[in-house]
C-alpha atoms as a PDB file:
ATOM      1  CA  MET A   1       9.200  49.418  -2.420  1.00  0.00           C
ATOM      2  CA  ALA A   2       7.037  52.252  -3.677  1.00  0.00           C
ATOM      3  CA  LYS A   3      10.099  53.902  -5.235  1.00  0.00           C
ATOM      4  CA  SER A   4      11.142  50.793  -7.160  1.00  0.00           C
ATOM      5  CA  THR A   5       7.589  50.276  -8.367  1.00  0.00           C
ATOM      6  CA  SER A   6       7.323  53.908  -9.441  1.00  0.00           C
ATOM      7  CA  SER A   7      10.447  53.512 -11.559  1.00  0.00           C
ATOM      8  CA  ARG A   8       8.580  50.921 -13.615  1.00  0.00           C
ATOM      9  CA  ARG A   9       5.643  53.245 -14.221  1.00  0.00           C
ATOM     10  CA  ARG A  10       7.104  54.797 -17.380  1.00  0.00           C
ATOM     11  CA  ARG A  11       5.138  56.035 -20.330  1.00  0.00           C
ATOM     12  CA  SER A  12       5.821  53.863 -23.349  1.00  0.00           C
ATOM     13  CA  SER A  13       6.852  55.437 -26.664  1.00  0.00           C
ATOM     14  CA  LEU A  14       3.762  56.351 -28.608  1.00  0.00           C
ATOM     15  CA  VAL A  15       2.898  55.528 -32.208  1.00  0.00           C
ATOM     16  CA  ASP A  16      -0.110  56.732 -34.130  1.00  0.00           C
ATOM     17  CA  ALA A  17      -2.953  54.359 -35.030  1.00  0.00           C
ATOM     18  CA  LYS A  18      -1.955  53.963 -38.702  1.00  0.00           C
ATOM     19  CA  GLN A  19       1.655  53.142 -37.819  1.00  0.00           C
ATOM     20  CA  ALA A  20       0.474  50.623 -35.210  1.00  0.00           C
ATOM     21  CA  VAL A  21      -1.801  48.894 -37.731  1.00  0.00           C
ATOM     22  CA  ASP A  22       1.038  48.724 -40.273  1.00  0.00           C
ATOM     23  CA  LEU A  23       3.414  47.247 -37.701  1.00  0.00           C
ATOM     24  CA  ALA A  24       0.860  44.605 -36.657  1.00  0.00           C
ATOM     25  CA  THR A  25       0.185  43.701 -40.297  1.00  0.00           C
ATOM     26  CA  ALA A  26       3.865  43.349 -41.186  1.00  0.00           C
ATOM     27  CA  GLN A  27       5.003  41.476 -38.066  1.00  0.00           C
ATOM     28  CA  SER A  28       7.071  38.368 -38.684  1.00  0.00           C
ATOM     29  CA  TYR A  29       6.196  34.868 -37.533  1.00  0.00           C
ATOM     30  CA  SER A  30       9.078  34.862 -35.038  1.00  0.00           C
ATOM     31  CA  GLU A  31       7.807  38.041 -33.361  1.00  0.00           C
ATOM     32  CA  ASN A  32       4.057  37.761 -33.883  1.00  0.00           C
ATOM     33  CA  VAL A  33       2.330  39.080 -30.767  1.00  0.00           C
ATOM     34  CA  PHE A  34      -0.910  37.390 -31.798  1.00  0.00           C
ATOM     35  CA  LEU A  35       0.910  34.045 -31.549  1.00  0.00           C
ATOM     36  CA  PHE A  36       2.634  34.600 -28.204  1.00  0.00           C
ATOM     37  CA  VAL A  37       2.095  31.568 -25.969  1.00  0.00           C
ATOM     38  CA  PRO A  38       0.180  33.493 -23.256  1.00  0.00           C
ATOM     39  CA  ASN A  39      -2.117  34.933 -25.943  1.00  0.00           C
ATOM     40  CA  LEU A  40      -2.732  31.450 -27.353  1.00  0.00           C
ATOM     41  CA  ILE A  41      -3.724  30.455 -23.824  1.00  0.00           C
ATOM     42  CA  GLY A  42      -6.012  33.495 -23.807  1.00  0.00           C
ATOM     43  CA  TYR A  43      -7.731  32.325 -27.012  1.00  0.00           C
ATOM     44  CA  THR A  44      -8.190  28.905 -25.421  1.00  0.00           C
ATOM     45  CA  ARG A  45      -9.861  30.596 -22.451  1.00  0.00           C
ATOM     46  CA  VAL A  46     -12.250  32.413 -24.780  1.00  0.00           C
ATOM     47  CA  ILE A  47     -13.183  29.186 -26.579  1.00  0.00           C
ATOM     48  CA  MET A  48     -13.750  27.281 -23.336  1.00  0.00           C
ATOM     49  CA  ALA A  49     -15.779  30.132 -21.873  1.00  0.00           C
ATOM     50  CA  GLY A  50     -17.901  30.202 -25.020  1.00  0.00           C
ATOM     51  CA  LEU A  51     -18.504  26.457 -24.847  1.00  0.00           C
ATOM     52  CA  SER A  52     -19.424  26.718 -21.164  1.00  0.00           C
ATOM     53  CA  LEU A  53     -22.046  29.312 -22.056  1.00  0.00           C
ATOM     54  CA  TYR A  54     -23.379  27.004 -24.758  1.00  0.00           C
ATOM     55  CA  TYR A  55     -23.915  24.221 -22.198  1.00  0.00           C
ATOM     56  CA  MET A  56     -25.006  26.515 -19.353  1.00  0.00           C
ATOM     57  CA  SER A  57     -28.754  26.162 -19.847  1.00  0.00           C
ATOM     58  CA  TYR A  58     -28.926  22.379 -20.095  1.00  0.00           C
ATOM     59  CA  HIS A  59     -25.683  20.584 -19.123  1.00  0.00           C
ATOM     60  CA  PRO A  60     -24.274  21.829 -15.793  1.00  0.00           C
ATOM     61  CA  LYS A  61     -21.381  19.332 -15.639  1.00  0.00           C
ATOM     62  CA  TYR A  62     -19.925  20.322 -19.005  1.00  0.00           C
ATOM     63  CA  CYS A  63     -20.581  23.982 -18.256  1.00  0.00           C
ATOM     64  CA  THR A  64     -18.875  23.910 -14.852  1.00  0.00           C
ATOM     65  CA  LEU A  65     -15.877  21.943 -16.134  1.00  0.00           C
ATOM     66  CA  LEU A  66     -15.260  24.251 -19.083  1.00  0.00           C
ATOM     67  CA  TYR A  67     -15.862  27.400 -17.036  1.00  0.00           C
ATOM     68  CA  GLY A  68     -13.523  26.174 -14.300  1.00  0.00           C
ATOM     69  CA  ILE A  69     -10.715  25.369 -16.737  1.00  0.00           C
ATOM     70  CA  SER A  70     -11.104  28.782 -18.367  1.00  0.00           C
ATOM     71  CA  CYS A  71     -10.776  30.448 -14.956  1.00  0.00           C
ATOM     72  CA  LEU A  72      -7.778  28.337 -13.940  1.00  0.00           C
ATOM     73  CA  LEU A  73      -5.954  29.179 -17.166  1.00  0.00           C
ATOM     74  CA  ASP A  74      -6.163  32.804 -16.076  1.00  0.00           C
ATOM     75  CA  ALA A  75      -3.354  32.032 -13.619  1.00  0.00           C
ATOM     76  CA  VAL A  76      -1.277  30.280 -16.276  1.00  0.00           C
ATOM     77  CA  ASP A  77      -1.102  32.900 -19.025  1.00  0.00           C
ATOM     78  CA  GLY A  78       0.515  35.520 -16.784  1.00  0.00           C
ATOM     79  CA  GLN A  79       3.170  33.089 -15.585  1.00  0.00           C
ATOM     80  CA  ALA A  80       3.849  32.010 -19.174  1.00  0.00           C
ATOM     81  CA  ALA A  81       4.187  35.626 -20.272  1.00  0.00           C
ATOM     82  CA  ARG A  82       6.782  36.388 -17.604  1.00  0.00           C
ATOM     83  CA  ALA A  83       8.679  33.127 -18.040  1.00  0.00           C
ATOM     84  CA  LEU A  84       8.913  33.460 -21.843  1.00  0.00           C
ATOM     85  CA  GLY A  85       9.412  37.212 -21.934  1.00  0.00           C
ATOM     86  CA  GLN A  86       6.161  37.575 -23.876  1.00  0.00           C
ATOM     87  CA  THR A  87       4.271  40.178 -21.888  1.00  0.00           C
ATOM     88  CA  SER A  88       2.187  42.440 -24.109  1.00  0.00           C
ATOM     89  CA  LYS A  89      -0.449  45.135 -23.873  1.00  0.00           C
ATOM     90  CA  PHE A  90      -2.665  43.078 -26.162  1.00  0.00           C
ATOM     91  CA  GLY A  91      -2.368  40.087 -23.826  1.00  0.00           C
ATOM     92  CA  ALA A  92      -3.134  42.165 -20.733  1.00  0.00           C
ATOM     93  CA  VAL A  93      -6.272  43.632 -22.307  1.00  0.00           C
ATOM     94  CA  LEU A  94      -7.319  40.256 -23.754  1.00  0.00           C
ATOM     95  CA  ASP A  95      -7.030  38.743 -20.285  1.00  0.00           C
ATOM     96  CA  MET A  96      -9.068  41.490 -18.622  1.00  0.00           C
ATOM     97  CA  VAL A  97     -11.759  41.545 -21.329  1.00  0.00           C
ATOM     98  CA  THR A  98     -12.107  37.747 -21.163  1.00  0.00           C
ATOM     99  CA  ASP A  99     -12.521  37.883 -17.375  1.00  0.00           C
ATOM    100  CA  ARG A 100     -15.110  40.653 -17.502  1.00  0.00           C
ATOM    101  CA  CYS A 101     -17.161  39.154 -20.327  1.00  0.00           C
ATOM    102  CA  THR A 102     -17.123  35.596 -18.948  1.00  0.00           C
ATOM    103  CA  THR A 103     -18.231  36.669 -15.476  1.00  0.00           C
ATOM    104  CA  SER A 104     -20.885  38.990 -16.907  1.00  0.00           C
ATOM    105  CA  CYS A 105     -22.393  36.202 -19.016  1.00  0.00           C
ATOM    106  CA  LEU A 106     -22.663  33.967 -15.950  1.00  0.00           C
ATOM    107  CA  LEU A 107     -24.238  36.809 -13.964  1.00  0.00           C
ATOM    108  CA  CYS A 108     -26.765  37.318 -16.770  1.00  0.00           C
ATOM    109  CA  TYR A 109     -27.761  33.669 -16.391  1.00  0.00           C
ATOM    110  CA  LEU A 110     -28.011  34.060 -12.616  1.00  0.00           C
ATOM    111  CA  SER A 111     -30.236  37.112 -13.119  1.00  0.00           C
ATOM    112  CA  ALA A 112     -32.687  34.877 -14.968  1.00  0.00           C
ATOM    113  CA  ALA A 113     -32.278  31.993 -12.505  1.00  0.00           C
ATOM    114  CA  TYR A 114     -32.878  34.224  -9.449  1.00  0.00           C
ATOM    115  CA  PRO A 115     -35.387  36.901 -10.609  1.00  0.00           C
ATOM    116  CA  PRO A 116     -35.737  38.563  -7.163  1.00  0.00           C
ATOM    117  CA  TYR A 117     -31.969  39.239  -7.179  1.00  0.00           C
ATOM    118  CA  ALA A 118     -31.681  40.293 -10.824  1.00  0.00           C
ATOM    119  CA  ILE A 119     -30.972  43.920  -9.910  1.00  0.00           C
ATOM    120  CA  LEU A 120     -28.138  42.788  -7.619  1.00  0.00           C
ATOM    121  CA  PHE A 121     -26.470  40.729 -10.353  1.00  0.00           C
ATOM    122  CA  GLN A 122     -26.914  43.587 -12.817  1.00  0.00           C
ATOM    123  CA  SER A 123     -25.282  45.947 -10.318  1.00  0.00           C
ATOM    124  CA  LEU A 124     -22.351  43.558  -9.922  1.00  0.00           C
ATOM    125  CA  ILE A 125     -21.861  43.552 -13.704  1.00  0.00           C
ATOM    126  CA  ALA A 126     -21.903  47.353 -13.785  1.00  0.00           C
ATOM    127  CA  LEU A 127     -19.461  47.601 -10.856  1.00  0.00           C
ATOM    128  CA  ASP A 128     -17.080  45.043 -12.352  1.00  0.00           C
ATOM    129  CA  PHE A 129     -16.927  46.704 -15.763  1.00  0.00           C
ATOM    130  CA  SER A 130     -16.793  50.292 -14.525  1.00  0.00           C
ATOM    131  CA  SER A 131     -14.153  49.733 -11.846  1.00  0.00           C
ATOM    132  CA  HIS A 132     -11.803  47.827 -14.145  1.00  0.00           C
ATOM    133  CA  TYR A 133     -12.281  50.156 -17.124  1.00  0.00           C
ATOM    134  CA  MET A 134     -11.687  53.288 -15.070  1.00  0.00           C
ATOM    135  CA  HIS A 135      -8.740  51.683 -13.289  1.00  0.00           C
ATOM    136  CA  MET A 136      -7.065  50.682 -16.556  1.00  0.00           C
ATOM    137  CA  TYR A 137      -7.746  54.073 -18.138  1.00  0.00           C
ATOM    138  CA  SER A 138      -6.382  55.936 -15.112  1.00  0.00           C
ATOM    139  CA  SER A 139      -3.270  53.741 -15.280  1.00  0.00           C
ATOM    140  CA  LEU A 140      -2.756  54.645 -18.943  1.00  0.00           C
ATOM    141  CA  VAL A 141      -3.177  58.413 -18.516  1.00  0.00           C
ATOM    142  CA  THR A 142      -0.701  58.452 -15.604  1.00  0.00           C
ATOM    143  CA  GLY A 143       1.921  56.595 -17.636  1.00  0.00           C
ATOM    144  CA  SER A 144       1.823  53.200 -15.932  1.00  0.00           C
ATOM    145  CA  THR A 145       3.055  50.246 -17.950  1.00  0.00           C
ATOM    146  CA  SER A 146       0.485  47.962 -16.292  1.00  0.00           C
ATOM    147  CA  HIS A 147      -2.781  48.364 -14.408  1.00  0.00           C
ATOM    148  CA  LYS A 148      -1.346  46.011 -11.781  1.00  0.00           C
ATOM    149  CA  LEU A 149       1.473  48.408 -10.830  1.00  0.00           C
ATOM    150  CA  VAL A 150      -0.309  50.120  -7.961  1.00  0.00           C
ATOM    151  CA  THR A 151       1.848  51.734  -5.276  1.00  0.00           C
ATOM    152  CA  SER A 152       0.952  51.628  -1.600  1.00  0.00           C
ATOM    153  CA  ASP A 153       0.857  55.433  -1.383  1.00  0.00           C
ATOM    154  CA  VAL A 154      -2.010  55.469  -3.909  1.00  0.00           C
ATOM    155  CA  SER A 155      -4.000  52.684  -2.253  1.00  0.00           C
ATOM    156  CA  ARG A 156      -2.701  50.148   0.219  1.00  0.00           C
ATOM    157  CA  ILE A 157      -5.737  47.912  -0.402  1.00  0.00           C
ATOM    158  CA  LEU A 158      -5.131  47.806  -4.154  1.00  0.00           C
ATOM    159  CA  TRP A 159      -1.390  47.377  -3.598  1.00  0.00           C
ATOM    160  CA  LEU A 160      -2.012  44.344  -1.393  1.00  0.00           C
ATOM    161  CA  TYR A 161      -4.493  43.017  -3.964  1.00  0.00           C
ATOM    162  CA  TYR A 162      -2.311  43.387  -7.071  1.00  0.00           C
ATOM    163  CA  ASN A 163       1.178  43.042  -5.593  1.00  0.00           C
ATOM    164  CA  ASP A 164       0.965  39.292  -4.892  1.00  0.00           C
ATOM    165  CA  SER A 165      -0.272  37.033  -7.706  1.00  0.00           C
ATOM    166  CA  ARG A 166      -1.407  34.464  -5.136  1.00  0.00           C
ATOM    167  CA  THR A 167      -3.636  37.008  -3.406  1.00  0.00           C
ATOM    168  CA  LEU A 168      -5.041  38.130  -6.743  1.00  0.00           C
ATOM    169  CA  PHE A 169      -5.762  34.541  -7.788  1.00  0.00           C
ATOM    170  CA  PHE A 170      -7.358  33.705  -4.422  1.00  0.00           C
ATOM    171  CA  PHE A 171      -9.898  36.516  -4.590  1.00  0.00           C
ATOM    172  CA  CYS A 172     -10.638  36.160  -8.303  1.00  0.00           C
ATOM    173  CA  PHE A 173     -11.061  32.394  -8.111  1.00  0.00           C
ATOM    174  CA  GLY A 174     -13.082  32.553  -4.886  1.00  0.00           C
ATOM    175  CA  ASN A 175     -15.377  35.165  -6.423  1.00  0.00           C
ATOM    176  CA  GLU A 176     -15.944  33.009  -9.520  1.00  0.00           C
ATOM    177  CA  LEU A 177     -16.464  29.918  -7.359  1.00  0.00           C
ATOM    178  CA  PHE A 178     -19.210  31.729  -5.458  1.00  0.00           C
ATOM    179  CA  PHE A 179     -21.066  32.480  -8.705  1.00  0.00           C
ATOM    180  CA  VAL A 180     -20.567  28.917  -9.978  1.00  0.00           C
ATOM    181  CA  SER A 181     -21.968  27.621  -6.674  1.00  0.00           C
ATOM    182  CA  LEU A 182     -25.085  29.738  -7.152  1.00  0.00           C
ATOM    183  CA  TYR A 183     -25.387  28.276 -10.633  1.00  0.00           C
ATOM    184  CA  LEU A 184     -25.055  24.691  -9.383  1.00  0.00           C
ATOM    185  CA  ILE A 185     -27.593  25.226  -6.594  1.00  0.00           C
ATOM    186  CA  LYS A 186     -30.273  25.345  -9.279  1.00  0.00           C
ATOM    187  CA  TRP A 187     -29.199  21.922 -10.555  1.00  0.00           C
ATOM    188  CA  THR A 188     -28.457  20.058  -7.308  1.00  0.00           C
ATOM    189  CA  SER A 189     -30.969  18.825  -4.752  1.00  0.00           C
ATOM    190  CA  ALA A 190     -29.137  15.880  -3.154  1.00  0.00           C
ATOM    191  CA  PRO A 191     -28.164  16.573   0.490  1.00  0.00           C
ATOM    192  CA  SER A 192     -24.461  16.562   1.289  1.00  0.00           C
ATOM    193  CA  GLY A 193     -24.682  14.078   4.158  1.00  0.00           C
ATOM    194  CA  ILE A 194     -22.085  16.060   6.104  1.00  0.00           C
ATOM    195  CA  PRO A 195     -22.770  15.966   9.877  1.00  0.00           C
ATOM    196  CA  LEU A 196     -24.688  19.054  11.057  1.00  0.00           C
ATOM    197  CA  LEU A 197     -25.175  20.041   7.403  1.00  0.00           C
ATOM    198  CA  GLU A 198     -27.128  17.016   6.198  1.00  0.00           C
ATOM    199  CA  ARG A 199     -29.901  19.067   4.618  1.00  0.00           C
ATOM    200  CA  TRP A 200     -27.526  21.325   2.718  1.00  0.00           C
ATOM    201  CA  THR A 201     -26.280  20.495  -0.763  1.00  0.00           C
ATOM    202  CA  PHE A 202     -22.586  20.755  -1.634  1.00  0.00           C
ATOM    203  CA  PRO A 203     -23.127  23.865  -3.805  1.00  0.00           C
ATOM    204  CA  GLU A 204     -24.944  25.564  -0.918  1.00  0.00           C
ATOM    205  CA  ILE A 205     -22.075  24.814   1.459  1.00  0.00           C
ATOM    206  CA  LEU A 206     -19.567  26.032  -1.114  1.00  0.00           C
ATOM    207  CA  ALA A 207     -21.535  29.242  -1.649  1.00  0.00           C
ATOM    208  CA  VAL A 208     -21.513  29.978   2.088  1.00  0.00           C
ATOM    209  CA  LEU A 209     -17.763  29.341   2.316  1.00  0.00           C
ATOM    210  CA  CYS A 210     -17.013  31.546  -0.697  1.00  0.00           C
ATOM    211  CA  PHE A 211     -19.351  34.382   0.238  1.00  0.00           C
ATOM    212  CA  PRO A 212     -16.741  36.270   2.348  1.00  0.00           C
ATOM    213  CA  VAL A 213     -14.296  36.150  -0.575  1.00  0.00           C
ATOM    214  CA  PHE A 214     -16.999  37.391  -2.944  1.00  0.00           C
ATOM    215  CA  PHE A 215     -17.863  40.214  -0.550  1.00  0.00           C
ATOM    216  CA  VAL A 216     -14.254  41.390  -0.100  1.00  0.00           C
ATOM    217  CA  LYS A 217     -13.612  41.134  -3.847  1.00  0.00           C
ATOM    218  CA  ASN A 218     -16.468  43.519  -4.583  1.00  0.00           C
ATOM    219  CA  VAL A 219     -15.413  45.883  -1.811  1.00  0.00           C
ATOM    220  CA  ILE A 220     -12.060  45.984  -3.615  1.00  0.00           C
ATOM    221  CA  ASN A 221     -13.929  46.791  -6.846  1.00  0.00           C
ATOM    222  CA  VAL A 222     -15.584  49.744  -5.098  1.00  0.00           C
ATOM    223  CA  VAL A 223     -12.209  50.962  -3.806  1.00  0.00           C
ATOM    224  CA  GLN A 224     -10.737  50.547  -7.279  1.00  0.00           C
ATOM    225  CA  LEU A 225     -13.552  52.587  -8.835  1.00  0.00           C
ATOM    226  CA  TRP A 226     -13.194  55.362  -6.251  1.00  0.00           C
ATOM    227  CA  LYS A 227      -9.393  55.570  -6.505  1.00  0.00           C
ATOM    228  CA  ALA A 228      -9.520  55.581 -10.317  1.00  0.00           C
ATOM    229  CA  SER A 229     -12.121  58.360 -10.202  1.00  0.00           C
ATOM    230  CA  LYS A 230      -9.895  60.454  -7.911  1.00  0.00           C
ATOM    231  CA  ILE A 231      -6.865  59.886 -10.153  1.00  0.00           C
ATOM    232  CA  LEU A 232      -8.775  60.991 -13.260  1.00  0.00           C
ATOM    233  CA  VAL A 233     -10.121  64.072 -11.451  1.00  0.00           C
ATOM    234  CA  GLY A 234      -6.584  64.869 -10.280  1.00  0.00           C
ATOM    235  CA  VAL A 235      -5.299  64.615 -13.852  1.00  0.00           C
ATOM    236  CA  ASP A 236      -8.124  66.917 -14.989  1.00  0.00           C
ATOM    237  CA  LEU A 237      -7.227  69.473 -12.306  1.00  0.00           C
ATOM    238  CA  ALA A 238      -3.518  69.352 -13.205  1.00  0.00           C
ATOM    239  CA  GLU A 239      -4.251  69.776 -16.922  1.00  0.00           C
ATOM    240  CA  ARG A 240      -6.657  72.671 -16.271  1.00  0.00           C
ATOM    241  CA  ALA A 241      -4.083  74.386 -14.048  1.00  0.00           C
ATOM    242  CA  ALA A 242      -1.391  73.903 -16.699  1.00  0.00           C
ATOM    243  CA  ALA A 243      -3.716  75.308 -19.390  1.00  0.00           C
ATOM    244  CA  ARG A 244      -4.455  78.386 -17.243  1.00  0.00           C
ATOM    245  CA  ALA A 245      -0.750  78.913 -16.571  1.00  0.00           C
ATOM    246  CA  ALA A 246       0.049  78.601 -20.267  1.00  0.00           C
ATOM    247  CA  ALA A 247      -2.720  81.043 -21.179  1.00  0.00           C
ATOM    248  CA  SER A 248      -1.515  83.509 -18.544  1.00  0.00           C
ATOM    249  CA  LYS A 249       2.082  83.230 -19.746  1.00  0.00           C
ATOM    250  CA  LYS A 250       0.976  83.749 -23.330  1.00  0.00           C
ATOM    251  CA  ALA A 251      -1.028  86.841 -22.345  1.00  0.00           C
ATOM    252  CA  GLU A 252       1.957  88.294 -20.441  1.00  0.00           C
ATOM    253  CA  SER A 253       4.257  87.628 -23.394  1.00  0.00           C
ATOM    254  CA  SER A 254       1.816  89.286 -25.774  1.00  0.00           C
ATOM    255  CA  GLU A 255       1.527  92.324 -23.493  1.00  0.00           C
ATOM    256  CA  GLU A 256       5.318  92.673 -23.333  1.00  0.00           C
ATOM    257  CA  LYS A 257       5.566  92.637 -27.125  1.00  0.00           C
ATOM    258  CA  HIS A 258       2.640  94.998 -27.606  1.00  0.00           C
ATOM    259  CA  PRO A 259       2.461  97.331 -24.567  1.00  0.00           C
ATOM    260  CA  ASN A 260      -0.661  99.432 -24.095  1.00  0.00           C
ATOM    261  CA  PRO A 261       0.155 103.019 -25.182  1.00  0.00           C
ATOM    262  CA  ALA A 262      -2.322 104.439 -22.686  1.00  0.00           C
ATOM    263  CA  SER A 263      -0.305 103.019 -19.828  1.00  0.00           C
END
């Protein structure tokens, strides 16, 4: 399994920035990456997330509905990309940036709604951004075609997390549902009426149920940050060793061409 996955981790052919801009400007309608179906879904997610933020401070029903649809579409764009043969680097980054920004905006609201826990929400934002950025960057510098192509010999936890789209969706959706529950707690006071939990509201019950998923998801973020850090340090060490070897070889070659007369 690891071998077959490794075969897909090939470095793509590189173009310089000017050539890339020219190609994007001249692309035809039939092969316009900006208009790929999964990317159109991504734009829809951005719009819905923006509208949910607009309603967040005064209309919880509209906010929750729009936020929920935006999160659910996250599972659709990837399937559309694979089914239509429209996977793209732009789409992958658009998807990740949308996820990070949407969650961070909600956590900013929760920081204001729960002042005693503001530092916790701020830490979650920092962990989310740093772990995903470093993971994606480490994937690029090691030649991976996707940040989701993690082999089990690098990290079994990350392999289990990224290898199955259902597992990935479960943890991402459960994590978002936990934050949405915290948001709705501030707007809901009616008891659930559920036996043994009569005094609890539905958002409170949902938050308790989703807390384990939230906890594991952020443990995974910590693992992702640590593994990405080790990969980047390993790349640094390999490059420094190669530079020393090249310098040593150059010095030996120079000495052979120009021997020291005193010797």
